[in-house]
Amino acid sequence: MKNIVIFDTNVLLSDPNALFIYPDTEVIIPQIVLSELDKIKVSRSDKDVRFRGREVSRILFDLSQHGTLLEGIDLDNDASIRVAQYEADDFPKTLSPRNADDRILACAIQEQEKNPDAQVTLLTNDLNMLLKAQTFGIEVDRHEHEFKPSLLNKMMSRLGRKRFSWWWMAFPVVLIGLSLSLWLFVPSPIPVGTTSSALELTSFPLKEVEYLTALNKDSTDFHSWFLLGQLYSRWARELESSTNFPEEREKLSAAVDAYRHALALEPTNAAARTSLGTSYYFLGNTDEAISQYVQATSYDPTYALPHFSLGFALLNRQDPIGAARSFEAYLKLEPNGERSTFARQKLQEITGSSQ
């Protein structure tokens, strides 16, 4: 049986040498991993992580002198290393191509489909990625820095490989001692003991897996798509409260994708269209948000929420007249609703009269 191991970015950042510990295996690095490594090398404040990112790039550059990474380069342990890109035309419907983790997972899924007789394993230290992969039947393993041989032994073993012998012998001996402390005691990239308010962040991946499992069985399940979008929206709000803004935008984008899948099944569903508009709004796309709110009010004029949301968006768009009309429409439908106090306050500020 052929063995294929696909690397997640966090594994390479914890141990670049992991590339060489799988004999008789096709080691695959998704192309998005290279992009993430490039970003990390210049953007991460952690010097150790930046160092390991550069080390991975150096190893791959050295390998590229002996072949083409896109076609695969043979190693001395009967393994090979190849860089692979996911195929956009065959991208799983329940995953988002905008999400880096989903693109890595898509690469694993597509490799499994292309090699049905192979043992395909996704190597990751990310809990969310691990849970997602299991819903698609992908074998998952973790690499948690259990370095049995010392770094000195690893480096000496590399000296015996003809590809690396002269290069490694050029290293000053002092680097061995400096690197030893760096490589042997790297903390796990999975946070331990972290908590968050309301729903704990660790509960979101579990619900995500539940919905993705349902959609993997039936991708035409509107209810699961809608609930998945709501989950990503709540997840984004939780990340906003913890000031994790880049990941917040990633979850909002995932929410947009989920709502769009839902609306492809039920285009006139006002609740899904309103939720889509709100995701667009928080992503900064006010025009698209307003468009979605307007469509929602036309599909279901008795649904109050899109009227309120439209008023809020128009108010921030410096359109007080349109905002007033929307707040008035909302108050007619929900005069005592949870948002009625805010709507009356804003309407009074705009018109100068109370409702």
Protein backbone atom coordinates (compact mmCIF):
# COMPACT_ATOMS: atom_id res chain seq x y z
CA MET A 1 0.00 0.00 0.00
CA LYS A 2 1.29 3.44 -0.93
CA ASN A 3 1.72 5.90 1.97
CA ILE A 4 0.91 9.59 1.51
CA VAL A 5 1.42 12.15 4.28
CA ILE A 6 0.09 15.70 3.86
CA PHE A 7 1.58 18.40 6.09
CA ASP A 8 -0.33 21.20 7.78
CA THR A 9 1.58 24.46 8.29
CA ASN A 10 1.72 24.19 12.07
CA VAL A 11 3.63 20.88 11.90
CA LEU A 12 6.39 22.35 9.77
CA LEU A 13 6.58 25.38 12.05
CA SER A 14 7.05 23.11 15.05
CA ASP A 15 9.61 20.82 13.41
CA PRO A 16 10.95 21.42 9.89
CA ASN A 17 12.88 18.14 10.18
CA ALA A 18 9.57 16.27 10.20
CA LEU A 19 9.87 16.28 6.41
CA PHE A 20 12.53 13.59 6.67
CA ILE A 21 11.07 11.16 9.21
CA TYR A 22 8.63 9.31 6.94
CA PRO A 23 10.48 6.63 4.91
CA ASP A 24 8.77 4.95 1.94
CA THR A 25 6.23 7.77 1.89
CA GLU A 26 5.11 10.46 -0.53
CA VAL A 27 5.29 13.65 1.53
CA ILE A 28 2.97 16.33 0.17
CA ILE A 29 3.07 20.03 1.04
CA PRO A 30 -0.07 21.92 -0.07
CA GLN A 31 0.85 25.06 -1.97
CA ILE A 32 -1.13 27.24 0.45
CA VAL A 33 1.30 26.11 3.16
CA LEU A 34 4.14 27.82 1.28
CA SER A 35 2.11 31.03 1.16
CA GLU A 36 1.46 30.85 4.89
CA LEU A 37 5.15 30.25 5.57
CA ASP A 38 6.05 33.34 3.54
CA LYS A 39 3.65 35.45 5.60
CA ILE A 40 4.89 34.04 8.89
CA LYS A 41 8.53 34.70 8.07
CA VAL A 42 7.92 38.43 8.04
CA SER A 43 4.80 38.98 10.15
CA ARG A 44 4.99 36.81 13.26
CA SER A 45 6.46 38.49 16.34
CA ASP A 46 7.72 35.14 17.69
CA LYS A 47 11.35 34.97 16.59
CA ASP A 48 11.49 31.19 17.02
CA VAL A 49 8.51 30.69 14.73
CA ARG A 50 10.02 33.02 12.12
CA PHE A 51 13.28 31.09 12.33
CA ARG A 52 11.53 27.77 11.74
CA GLY A 53 9.57 29.25 8.84
CA ARG A 54 12.81 30.32 7.20
CA GLU A 55 14.32 26.90 7.91
CA VAL A 56 11.49 25.14 6.06
CA SER A 57 11.99 27.45 3.10
CA ARG A 58 15.73 26.79 3.16
CA ILE A 59 15.19 23.02 3.16
CA LEU A 60 12.77 23.21 0.25
CA PHE A 61 15.09 25.52 -1.67
CA ASP A 62 17.94 23.08 -1.15
CA LEU A 63 15.76 20.23 -2.37
CA SER A 64 14.72 22.21 -5.44
CA GLN A 65 18.33 22.11 -6.61
CA HIS A 66 17.85 18.39 -7.25
CA GLY A 67 14.55 18.40 -9.13
CA THR A 68 11.13 20.01 -9.41
CA LEU A 69 9.01 20.19 -6.28
CA LEU A 70 5.79 20.17 -8.30
CA GLU A 71 6.80 16.83 -9.83
CA GLY A 72 8.36 15.41 -6.65
CA ILE A 73 11.93 14.99 -5.43
CA ASP A 74 13.25 11.65 -4.19
CA LEU A 75 15.00 11.43 -0.81
CA ASP A 76 17.59 8.98 0.40
CA ASN A 77 15.08 7.17 2.67
CA ASP A 78 12.96 6.02 -0.31
CA ALA A 79 10.53 8.85 0.32
CA SER A 80 9.68 11.79 -1.92
CA ILE A 81 8.57 15.37 -1.32
CA ARG A 82 6.08 17.11 -3.57
CA VAL A 83 4.23 20.44 -3.51
CA ALA A 84 0.56 20.06 -4.53
CA GLN A 85 -2.26 22.47 -5.27
CA TYR A 86 -5.94 21.73 -4.74
CA GLU A 87 -8.06 21.44 -7.88
CA ALA A 88 -10.57 24.30 -7.89
CA ASP A 89 -13.03 22.46 -10.15
CA ASP A 90 -13.28 19.59 -7.68
CA PHE A 91 -13.34 21.63 -4.47
CA PRO A 92 -15.62 20.06 -1.79
CA LYS A 93 -18.89 21.98 -1.55
CA THR A 94 -18.87 22.05 2.25
CA LEU A 95 -15.47 23.76 2.39
CA SER A 96 -14.47 27.33 1.54
CA PRO A 97 -11.61 28.03 -0.91
CA ARG A 98 -11.06 31.32 0.92
CA ASN A 99 -10.09 29.45 4.06
CA ALA A 100 -6.46 28.31 4.21
CA ASP A 101 -7.26 25.31 6.43
CA ASP A 102 -10.04 24.23 4.08
CA ARG A 103 -7.65 24.41 1.11
CA ILE A 104 -5.20 22.12 2.92
CA LEU A 105 -8.06 19.77 3.77
CA ALA A 106 -9.29 19.87 0.16
CA CYS A 107 -5.82 18.86 -0.98
CA ALA A 108 -5.97 15.82 1.34
CA ILE A 109 -9.46 14.88 0.17
CA GLN A 110 -8.48 15.13 -3.49
CA GLU A 111 -5.31 13.08 -2.95
CA GLN A 112 -7.41 10.41 -1.27
CA GLU A 113 -9.82 10.38 -4.21
CA LYS A 114 -6.97 10.14 -6.72
CA ASN A 115 -5.25 7.37 -4.74
CA PRO A 116 -8.03 5.11 -3.39
CA ASP A 117 -5.57 2.30 -2.61
CA ALA A 118 -3.16 4.54 -0.67
CA GLN A 119 -2.99 5.26 3.03
CA VAL A 120 -3.51 9.04 3.06
CA THR A 121 -2.73 10.78 6.36
CA LEU A 122 -3.12 14.45 7.20
CA LEU A 123 -0.48 15.53 9.71
CA THR A 124 -1.69 18.42 11.88
CA ASN A 125 -1.56 19.77 15.42
CA ASP A 126 -4.72 21.82 14.93
CA LEU A 127 -7.77 20.43 16.76
CA ASN A 128 -10.24 22.09 14.41
CA MET A 129 -8.47 20.70 11.34
CA LEU A 130 -8.35 17.26 12.96
CA LEU A 131 -12.09 17.23 13.62
CA LYS A 132 -12.91 18.49 10.13
CA ALA A 133 -10.72 15.87 8.47
CA GLN A 134 -12.45 13.08 10.38
CA THR A 135 -15.82 14.10 8.94
CA PHE A 136 -14.42 13.39 5.47
CA GLY A 137 -12.93 10.06 6.47
CA ILE A 138 -9.35 11.35 6.29
CA GLU A 139 -6.82 9.63 8.53
CA VAL A 140 -5.27 12.21 10.87
CA ASP A 141 -2.10 12.10 12.93
CA ARG A 142 -0.40 14.64 15.19
CA HIS A 143 3.26 15.61 15.48
CA GLU A 144 3.88 16.87 18.99
CA HIS A 145 7.63 17.39 19.09
CA GLU A 146 8.57 14.03 20.60
CA PHE A 147 12.17 14.16 19.48
CA LYS A 148 13.80 10.86 20.41
CA PRO A 149 17.12 11.51 18.64
CA SER A 150 18.96 14.66 19.58
CA LEU A 151 19.45 17.42 17.08
CA LEU A 152 23.14 16.56 16.92
CA ASN A 153 22.29 13.01 15.84
CA LYS A 154 19.86 14.29 13.24
CA MET A 155 22.38 16.67 11.79
CA MET A 156 25.11 14.03 11.78
CA SER A 157 22.78 11.63 9.98
CA ARG A 158 22.18 14.27 7.36
CA LEU A 159 25.89 14.58 6.78
CA GLY A 160 25.74 11.04 5.44
CA ARG A 161 23.26 12.03 2.75
CA LYS A 162 25.12 13.02 -0.37
CA ARG A 163 22.66 15.79 -1.16
CA PHE A 164 23.29 17.65 2.07
CA SER A 165 26.77 16.60 3.21
CA TRP A 166 28.84 19.55 1.92
CA TRP A 167 26.12 22.07 2.74
CA TRP A 168 25.79 20.96 6.35
CA MET A 169 29.52 20.66 6.91
CA ALA A 170 29.78 24.35 6.10
CA PHE A 171 27.77 25.19 9.24
CA PRO A 172 29.78 26.53 12.16
CA VAL A 173 29.80 24.07 15.05
CA VAL A 174 28.40 26.73 17.36
CA LEU A 175 25.05 26.56 15.52
CA ILE A 176 24.54 23.05 16.84
CA GLY A 177 24.47 24.25 20.42
CA LEU A 178 22.31 27.27 19.64
CA SER A 179 19.80 25.23 17.65
CA LEU A 180 19.58 22.45 20.22
CA SER A 181 17.64 24.56 22.71
CA LEU A 182 15.41 25.89 19.94
CA TRP A 183 14.37 22.56 18.46
CA LEU A 184 13.94 20.35 21.51
CA PHE A 185 11.63 22.49 23.62
CA VAL A 186 9.15 24.09 21.22
CA PRO A 187 5.68 24.51 22.78
CA SER A 188 2.68 22.93 21.11
CA PRO A 189 0.76 25.29 18.77
CA ILE A 190 -2.51 24.08 20.36
CA PRO A 191 -3.36 26.43 23.26
CA VAL A 192 -3.77 24.75 26.64
CA GLY A 193 -6.09 26.05 29.32
CA THR A 194 -7.40 28.98 27.29
CA THR A 195 -10.96 30.14 27.93
CA SER A 196 -13.38 32.61 26.43
CA SER A 197 -16.63 34.22 27.52
CA ALA A 198 -20.07 32.86 26.60
CA LEU A 199 -19.53 29.85 24.38
CA GLU A 200 -15.97 28.63 24.76
CA LEU A 201 -14.04 28.74 21.51
CA THR A 202 -13.38 25.01 21.75
CA SER A 203 -17.11 24.29 21.44
CA PHE A 204 -17.41 25.95 18.04
CA PRO A 205 -15.33 23.35 16.14
CA LEU A 206 -17.46 20.55 17.60
CA LYS A 207 -20.68 22.13 16.33
CA GLU A 208 -18.97 22.87 13.03
CA VAL A 209 -18.14 19.19 12.67
CA GLU A 210 -21.77 18.30 13.40
CA TYR A 211 -23.07 20.51 10.60
CA LEU A 212 -20.30 19.54 8.16
CA THR A 213 -21.03 15.87 8.80
CA ALA A 214 -24.70 16.44 7.98
CA LEU A 215 -23.78 18.36 4.83
CA ASN A 216 -21.30 15.72 3.79
CA LYS A 217 -24.21 13.29 3.77
CA ASP A 218 -26.63 15.72 2.13
CA SER A 219 -25.29 18.92 0.60
CA THR A 220 -28.85 20.03 -0.24
CA ASP A 221 -29.81 20.40 3.43
CA PHE A 222 -30.82 24.06 3.68
CA HIS A 223 -31.25 23.90 7.46
CA SER A 224 -27.66 22.70 8.04
CA TRP A 225 -26.20 25.35 5.73
CA PHE A 226 -28.16 28.05 7.55
CA LEU A 227 -27.13 26.79 11.00
CA LEU A 228 -23.52 26.57 9.84
CA GLY A 229 -23.68 30.21 8.77
CA GLN A 230 -25.12 31.21 12.14
CA LEU A 231 -22.38 29.26 13.89
CA TYR A 232 -19.66 31.09 11.94
CA SER A 233 -21.36 34.41 12.69
CA ARG A 234 -21.40 33.71 16.45
CA TRP A 235 -17.83 32.44 16.22
CA ALA A 236 -16.79 35.71 14.57
CA ARG A 237 -18.42 37.77 17.34
CA GLU A 238 -16.58 35.73 19.96
CA LEU A 239 -13.29 36.30 18.15
CA GLU A 240 -14.05 40.02 17.94
CA SER A 241 -14.46 40.15 21.72
CA SER A 242 -11.02 38.55 22.08
CA THR A 243 -9.60 41.04 19.50
CA ASN A 244 -8.61 38.25 17.12
CA PHE A 245 -9.55 40.32 14.09
CA PRO A 246 -7.89 38.34 11.25
CA GLU A 247 -9.60 35.11 12.28
CA GLU A 248 -12.85 37.02 12.86
CA ARG A 249 -12.87 38.07 9.19
CA GLU A 250 -12.09 34.51 8.17
CA LYS A 251 -15.14 33.23 10.05
CA LEU A 252 -17.32 36.00 8.62
CA SER A 253 -16.22 34.97 5.12
CA ALA A 254 -17.08 31.37 5.98
CA ALA A 255 -20.50 32.57 7.16
CA VAL A 256 -21.03 34.33 3.83
CA ASP A 257 -20.21 31.11 1.96
CA ALA A 258 -22.59 29.07 4.13
CA TYR A 259 -25.47 31.54 3.72
CA ARG A 260 -24.91 31.69 -0.04
CA HIS A 261 -25.11 27.89 -0.22
CA ALA A 262 -28.34 28.05 1.78
CA LEU A 263 -29.81 30.70 -0.51
CA ALA A 264 -28.88 28.70 -3.58
CA LEU A 265 -31.37 26.15 -2.23
CA GLU A 266 -34.02 28.64 -0.99
CA PRO A 267 -33.43 32.03 -2.69
CA THR A 268 -36.46 33.70 -1.11
CA ASN A 269 -35.68 32.79 2.49
CA ALA A 270 -35.69 36.19 4.23
CA ALA A 271 -33.92 35.01 7.39
CA ALA A 272 -30.93 33.59 5.49
CA ARG A 273 -30.75 36.66 3.25
CA THR A 274 -30.82 38.99 6.26
CA SER A 275 -28.07 36.99 7.95
CA LEU A 276 -26.02 37.13 4.75
CA GLY A 277 -26.46 40.90 4.69
CA THR A 278 -25.26 41.21 8.27
CA SER A 279 -22.13 39.17 7.51
CA TYR A 280 -21.41 41.44 4.55
CA TYR A 281 -21.96 44.47 6.77
CA PHE A 282 -19.39 43.37 9.35
CA LEU A 283 -16.96 42.59 6.54
CA GLY A 284 -17.26 46.24 5.51
CA ASN A 285 -19.30 45.63 2.34
CA THR A 286 -22.19 47.94 3.19
CA ASP A 287 -23.56 48.13 -0.36
CA GLU A 288 -23.95 44.36 -0.61
CA ALA A 289 -25.45 44.27 2.89
CA ILE A 290 -28.08 46.85 1.93
CA SER A 291 -28.87 44.89 -1.25
CA GLN A 292 -29.49 41.72 0.78
CA TYR A 293 -31.69 43.55 3.32
CA VAL A 294 -33.79 45.10 0.57
CA GLN A 295 -34.31 41.69 -1.06
CA ALA A 296 -35.27 40.19 2.29
CA THR A 297 -37.94 42.85 2.89
CA SER A 298 -39.37 42.24 -0.59
CA TYR A 299 -39.52 38.46 -0.08
CA ASP A 300 -41.19 38.76 3.34
CA PRO A 301 -42.49 42.26 4.15
CA THR A 302 -43.80 41.01 7.53
CA TYR A 303 -40.33 39.97 8.74
CA ALA A 304 -39.16 42.80 10.99
CA LEU A 305 -35.43 42.19 11.31
CA PRO A 306 -34.34 43.15 7.77
CA HIS A 307 -36.19 46.48 8.12
CA PHE A 308 -34.23 47.26 11.28
CA SER A 309 -30.93 46.08 9.79
CA LEU A 310 -31.55 48.13 6.66
CA GLY A 311 -32.23 51.21 8.79
CA PHE A 312 -29.01 50.67 10.72
CA ALA A 313 -26.98 50.23 7.52
CA LEU A 314 -28.52 53.28 5.84
CA LEU A 315 -27.92 55.37 8.94
CA ASN A 316 -24.22 54.49 8.81
CA ARG A 317 -24.29 55.18 5.08
CA GLN A 318 -25.38 58.76 5.83
CA ASP A 319 -28.89 58.24 4.43
CA PRO A 320 -31.11 59.44 7.32
CA ILE A 321 -34.30 59.61 5.24
CA GLY A 322 -34.01 56.00 4.09
CA ALA A 323 -33.00 54.95 7.62
CA ALA A 324 -36.08 56.65 9.08
CA ARG A 325 -38.40 54.83 6.65
CA SER A 326 -36.82 51.50 7.57
CA PHE A 327 -37.02 52.13 11.33
CA GLU A 328 -40.68 53.14 10.95
CA ALA A 329 -41.40 49.91 9.05
CA TYR A 330 -39.67 47.93 11.77
CA LEU A 331 -41.63 49.61 14.58
CA LYS A 332 -44.94 48.91 12.83
CA LEU A 333 -44.08 45.22 12.83
CA GLU A 334 -42.43 45.04 16.26
CA PRO A 335 -43.47 48.06 18.35
CA ASN A 336 -42.23 46.33 21.50
CA GLY A 337 -39.43 44.28 20.00
CA GLU A 338 -35.97 43.96 21.52
CA ARG A 339 -34.64 46.55 19.10
CA SER A 340 -37.58 48.94 19.38
CA THR A 341 -35.94 51.25 21.95
CA PHE A 342 -32.91 51.75 19.73
CA ALA A 343 -35.10 52.25 16.64
CA ARG A 344 -37.22 54.90 18.39
CA GLN A 345 -34.14 56.69 19.67
CA LYS A 346 -32.58 56.87 16.21
CA LEU A 347 -35.88 57.82 14.60
CA GLN A 348 -36.29 60.66 17.07
CA GLU A 349 -32.76 61.87 16.35
CA ILE A 350 -33.53 61.87 12.62
CA THR A 351 -37.03 63.34 12.58
CA GLY A 352 -37.10 65.23 15.85
CA SER A 353 -40.37 63.54 16.89
CA SER A 354 -41.09 60.50 19.06
CA GLN A 355 -42.94 57.41 17.80
